[in-house]
Amino acid sequence: MAKAKTDDAAAGVAQVAPVDSTLGYEQARDELIEVVRSLEAGGTTLEESLALWERGEALAKVCRRWLNGARARLDAALAESSDEAGAERT
């Protein structure tokens, strides 16, 4: 009886490098754009498409984290500015 191969490469699953969580926003966004272009262009196997989709999801998460952080900083700055303006009026 033949031994079953259990690793992903042997099973035909496309391998995509993990997303570096320290990527900057612009780097993650640019790579996400390329992933979307590849998916829209087609011509990839189902496994390759799934791997690209998963990478895109991970890149989108990095972008969301950066945008949420920027929104929090902006909200904090606006709140501080508002507090200072209110204190000056009293």
N, C-alpha and C. Protein backbone atom coordinates (compact mmCIF):
# COMPACT_ATOMS: atom_id res chain seq x y z
N MET A 1 0.83 -1.18 0.00
CA MET A 1 0.00 0.00 0.00
C MET A 1 0.88 1.24 0.00
N ALA A 2 0.60 2.22 -0.88
CA ALA A 2 1.42 3.42 -1.00
C ALA A 2 1.13 4.37 0.15
N LYS A 3 2.20 5.04 0.59
CA LYS A 3 2.06 6.01 1.67
C LYS A 3 1.40 7.28 1.13
N ALA A 4 0.38 7.78 1.81
CA ALA A 4 -0.32 9.00 1.39
C ALA A 4 0.54 10.22 1.69
N LYS A 5 0.61 11.12 0.75
CA LYS A 5 1.34 12.36 0.97
C LYS A 5 0.41 13.34 1.67
N THR A 6 0.93 13.96 2.73
CA THR A 6 0.07 14.84 3.51
C THR A 6 0.45 16.31 3.44
N ASP A 7 1.62 16.64 2.89
CA ASP A 7 1.96 18.06 2.86
C ASP A 7 1.22 18.76 1.72
N ASP A 8 1.02 20.07 1.88
CA ASP A 8 0.22 20.84 0.93
C ASP A 8 0.80 20.84 -0.47
N ALA A 9 2.11 20.96 -0.59
CA ALA A 9 2.72 21.00 -1.92
C ALA A 9 2.44 19.71 -2.67
N ALA A 10 2.53 18.60 -1.98
CA ALA A 10 2.28 17.31 -2.63
C ALA A 10 0.81 17.16 -2.99
N ALA A 11 -0.06 17.80 -2.23
CA ALA A 11 -1.49 17.70 -2.49
C ALA A 11 -1.94 18.66 -3.59
N GLY A 12 -1.03 19.48 -4.11
CA GLY A 12 -1.39 20.40 -5.18
C GLY A 12 -1.94 21.72 -4.68
N VAL A 13 -1.78 22.01 -3.41
CA VAL A 13 -2.26 23.27 -2.87
C VAL A 13 -1.21 24.33 -3.15
N ALA A 14 -1.64 25.43 -3.76
CA ALA A 14 -0.71 26.52 -4.08
C ALA A 14 -0.22 27.17 -2.79
N GLN A 15 1.07 27.42 -2.74
CA GLN A 15 1.68 28.04 -1.57
C GLN A 15 1.89 29.53 -1.83
N VAL A 16 1.49 30.35 -0.89
CA VAL A 16 1.71 31.78 -0.97
C VAL A 16 2.41 32.19 0.31
N ALA A 17 3.43 33.02 0.17
CA ALA A 17 4.18 33.47 1.34
C ALA A 17 3.25 34.17 2.32
N PRO A 18 3.47 33.98 3.62
CA PRO A 18 2.63 34.65 4.60
C PRO A 18 2.83 36.16 4.53
N VAL A 19 1.81 36.88 4.93
CA VAL A 19 1.87 38.34 4.91
C VAL A 19 2.63 38.82 6.13
N ASP A 20 3.60 39.69 5.90
CA ASP A 20 4.37 40.28 6.98
C ASP A 20 3.50 41.33 7.65
N SER A 21 3.18 41.13 8.92
CA SER A 21 2.28 42.03 9.62
C SER A 21 2.90 43.40 9.87
N THR A 22 4.20 43.55 9.58
CA THR A 22 4.84 44.85 9.76
C THR A 22 4.87 45.66 8.46
N LEU A 23 4.19 45.15 7.43
CA LEU A 23 4.12 45.90 6.17
C LEU A 23 3.51 47.27 6.42
N GLY A 24 4.00 48.25 5.71
CA GLY A 24 3.38 49.57 5.75
C GLY A 24 2.08 49.55 4.96
N TYR A 25 1.27 50.56 5.19
CA TYR A 25 -0.02 50.64 4.50
C TYR A 25 0.16 50.62 2.98
N GLU A 26 1.04 51.47 2.48
CA GLU A 26 1.21 51.59 1.03
C GLU A 26 1.71 50.29 0.42
N GLN A 27 2.62 49.60 1.11
CA GLN A 27 3.12 48.32 0.61
C GLN A 27 1.99 47.30 0.53
N ALA A 28 1.22 47.20 1.61
CA ALA A 28 0.12 46.23 1.64
C ALA A 28 -0.93 46.57 0.59
N ARG A 29 -1.25 47.86 0.46
CA ARG A 29 -2.24 48.28 -0.53
C ARG A 29 -1.78 47.95 -1.94
N ASP A 30 -0.51 48.26 -2.26
CA ASP A 30 0.01 47.99 -3.60
C ASP A 30 0.01 46.50 -3.92
N GLU A 31 0.38 45.69 -2.94
CA GLU A 31 0.36 44.24 -3.17
C GLU A 31 -1.07 43.73 -3.31
N LEU A 32 -1.98 44.30 -2.53
CA LEU A 32 -3.39 43.91 -2.64
C LEU A 32 -3.93 44.24 -4.03
N ILE A 33 -3.54 45.37 -4.57
CA ILE A 33 -3.95 45.74 -5.93
C ILE A 33 -3.46 44.70 -6.93
N GLU A 34 -2.24 44.24 -6.77
CA GLU A 34 -1.69 43.23 -7.67
C GLU A 34 -2.43 41.89 -7.54
N VAL A 35 -2.78 41.54 -6.32
CA VAL A 35 -3.54 40.31 -6.09
C VAL A 35 -4.89 40.39 -6.80
N VAL A 36 -5.56 41.52 -6.66
CA VAL A 36 -6.87 41.70 -7.31
C VAL A 36 -6.72 41.63 -8.82
N ARG A 37 -5.69 42.27 -9.35
CA ARG A 37 -5.46 42.23 -10.80
C ARG A 37 -5.25 40.79 -11.27
N SER A 38 -4.48 40.03 -10.53
CA SER A 38 -4.22 38.63 -10.89
C SER A 38 -5.51 37.82 -10.89
N LEU A 39 -6.32 38.04 -9.86
CA LEU A 39 -7.59 37.31 -9.79
C LEU A 39 -8.53 37.71 -10.92
N GLU A 40 -8.58 39.00 -11.22
CA GLU A 40 -9.47 39.47 -12.29
C GLU A 40 -9.00 39.00 -13.66
N ALA A 41 -7.69 38.87 -13.84
CA ALA A 41 -7.14 38.44 -15.13
C ALA A 41 -7.47 36.99 -15.42
N GLY A 42 -7.65 36.20 -14.36
CA GLY A 42 -7.95 34.79 -14.54
C GLY A 42 -6.72 34.01 -14.98
N GLY A 43 -6.96 32.84 -15.51
CA GLY A 43 -5.87 32.02 -15.99
C GLY A 43 -5.13 31.27 -14.90
N THR A 44 -5.66 31.29 -13.70
CA THR A 44 -5.02 30.55 -12.61
C THR A 44 -5.89 29.35 -12.24
N THR A 45 -5.25 28.39 -11.64
CA THR A 45 -6.01 27.22 -11.19
C THR A 45 -6.87 27.61 -10.00
N LEU A 46 -7.77 26.75 -9.63
CA LEU A 46 -8.61 26.99 -8.47
C LEU A 46 -7.76 27.15 -7.22
N GLU A 47 -6.78 26.28 -7.06
CA GLU A 47 -5.92 26.34 -5.87
C GLU A 47 -5.12 27.64 -5.84
N GLU A 48 -4.60 28.07 -7.00
CA GLU A 48 -3.86 29.33 -7.06
C GLU A 48 -4.77 30.50 -6.74
N SER A 49 -5.99 30.46 -7.27
CA SER A 49 -6.95 31.52 -7.00
C SER A 49 -7.30 31.59 -5.51
N LEU A 50 -7.49 30.43 -4.90
CA LEU A 50 -7.78 30.42 -3.46
C LEU A 50 -6.62 30.97 -2.64
N ALA A 51 -5.41 30.60 -3.03
CA ALA A 51 -4.23 31.10 -2.33
C ALA A 51 -4.11 32.62 -2.49
N LEU A 52 -4.37 33.11 -3.69
CA LEU A 52 -4.34 34.56 -3.91
C LEU A 52 -5.43 35.25 -3.09
N TRP A 53 -6.61 34.66 -3.06
CA TRP A 53 -7.72 35.23 -2.28
C TRP A 53 -7.33 35.32 -0.80
N GLU A 54 -6.76 34.25 -0.28
CA GLU A 54 -6.35 34.25 1.13
C GLU A 54 -5.30 35.32 1.40
N ARG A 55 -4.35 35.46 0.48
CA ARG A 55 -3.32 36.50 0.64
C ARG A 55 -3.98 37.87 0.59
N GLY A 56 -4.92 38.05 -0.32
CA GLY A 56 -5.63 39.33 -0.41
C GLY A 56 -6.37 39.65 0.87
N GLU A 57 -7.00 38.66 1.46
CA GLU A 57 -7.70 38.88 2.73
C GLU A 57 -6.73 39.31 3.82
N ALA A 58 -5.57 38.66 3.87
CA ALA A 58 -4.56 39.01 4.87
C ALA A 58 -4.03 40.43 4.63
N LEU A 59 -3.80 40.78 3.38
CA LEU A 59 -3.34 42.13 3.06
C LEU A 59 -4.40 43.17 3.39
N ALA A 60 -5.66 42.84 3.13
CA ALA A 60 -6.75 43.77 3.46
C ALA A 60 -6.81 43.98 4.98
N LYS A 61 -6.54 42.94 5.74
CA LYS A 61 -6.53 43.07 7.20
C LYS A 61 -5.43 44.03 7.66
N VAL A 62 -4.26 43.93 7.02
CA VAL A 62 -3.16 44.85 7.35
C VAL A 62 -3.58 46.28 7.02
N CYS A 63 -4.20 46.48 5.86
CA CYS A 63 -4.66 47.82 5.47
C CYS A 63 -5.70 48.35 6.46
N ARG A 64 -6.66 47.51 6.84
CA ARG A 64 -7.69 47.93 7.80
C ARG A 64 -7.07 48.33 9.13
N ARG A 65 -6.05 47.57 9.57
CA ARG A 65 -5.39 47.89 10.83
C ARG A 65 -4.75 49.28 10.75
N TRP A 66 -4.07 49.56 9.65
CA TRP A 66 -3.45 50.87 9.47
C TRP A 66 -4.51 51.97 9.43
N LEU A 67 -5.57 51.75 8.67
CA LEU A 67 -6.62 52.77 8.55
C LEU A 67 -7.34 53.00 9.88
N ASN A 68 -7.60 51.93 10.61
CA ASN A 68 -8.24 52.09 11.93
C ASN A 68 -7.34 52.86 12.88
N GLY A 69 -6.04 52.60 12.83
CA GLY A 69 -5.09 53.34 13.66
C GLY A 69 -5.05 54.81 13.29
N ALA A 70 -5.07 55.08 11.98
CA ALA A 70 -5.07 56.47 11.54
C ALA A 70 -6.35 57.18 11.97
N ARG A 71 -7.48 56.47 11.88
CA ARG A 71 -8.77 57.06 12.30
C ARG A 71 -8.75 57.36 13.80
N ALA A 72 -8.19 56.46 14.58
CA ALA A 72 -8.12 56.67 16.03
C ALA A 72 -7.24 57.88 16.35
N ARG A 73 -6.12 58.00 15.66
CA ARG A 73 -5.24 59.16 15.89
C ARG A 73 -5.93 60.45 15.49
N LEU A 74 -6.65 60.44 14.38
CA LEU A 74 -7.36 61.63 13.92
C LEU A 74 -8.46 62.00 14.91
N ASP A 75 -9.22 61.00 15.35
CA ASP A 75 -10.29 61.26 16.32
C ASP A 75 -9.73 61.83 17.62
N ALA A 76 -8.58 61.29 18.07
CA ALA A 76 -7.96 61.79 19.30
C ALA A 76 -7.50 63.23 19.13
N ALA A 77 -6.91 63.53 17.97
CA ALA A 77 -6.44 64.90 17.72
C ALA A 77 -7.61 65.87 17.64
N LEU A 78 -8.70 65.45 17.00
CA LEU A 78 -9.88 66.30 16.91
C LEU A 78 -10.51 66.52 18.28
N ALA A 79 -10.55 65.47 19.08
CA ALA A 79 -11.12 65.59 20.42
C ALA A 79 -10.26 66.52 21.27
N GLU A 80 -8.96 66.40 21.16
CA GLU A 80 -8.05 67.26 21.92
C GLU A 80 -8.21 68.72 21.49
N SER A 81 -8.32 68.93 20.19
CA SER A 81 -8.51 70.28 19.66
C SER A 81 -9.83 70.86 20.15
N SER A 82 -10.86 70.04 20.16
CA SER A 82 -12.18 70.47 20.63
C SER A 82 -12.15 70.80 22.12
N ASP A 83 -11.46 69.97 22.90
CA ASP A 83 -11.33 70.21 24.35
C ASP A 83 -10.59 71.52 24.61
N GLU A 84 -9.54 71.78 23.86
CA GLU A 84 -8.77 73.01 24.04
C GLU A 84 -9.60 74.23 23.68
N ALA A 85 -10.37 74.12 22.60
CA ALA A 85 -11.22 75.23 22.19
C ALA A 85 -12.30 75.49 23.23
N GLY A 86 -12.84 74.44 23.80
CA GLY A 86 -13.86 74.60 24.86
C GLY A 86 -13.28 75.22 26.11
N ALA A 87 -12.06 74.86 26.45
CA ALA A 87 -11.41 75.40 27.66
C ALA A 87 -11.10 76.89 27.48
N GLU A 88 -10.78 77.31 26.26
CA GLU A 88 -10.48 78.71 26.00
C GLU A 88 -11.72 79.59 26.11
N ARG A 89 -12.90 79.05 25.83
CA ARG A 89 -14.15 79.81 25.88
C ARG A 89 -14.63 80.05 27.30
N THR A 90 -14.19 79.23 28.24
CA THR A 90 -14.69 79.37 29.61
C THR A 90 -13.88 80.29 30.45
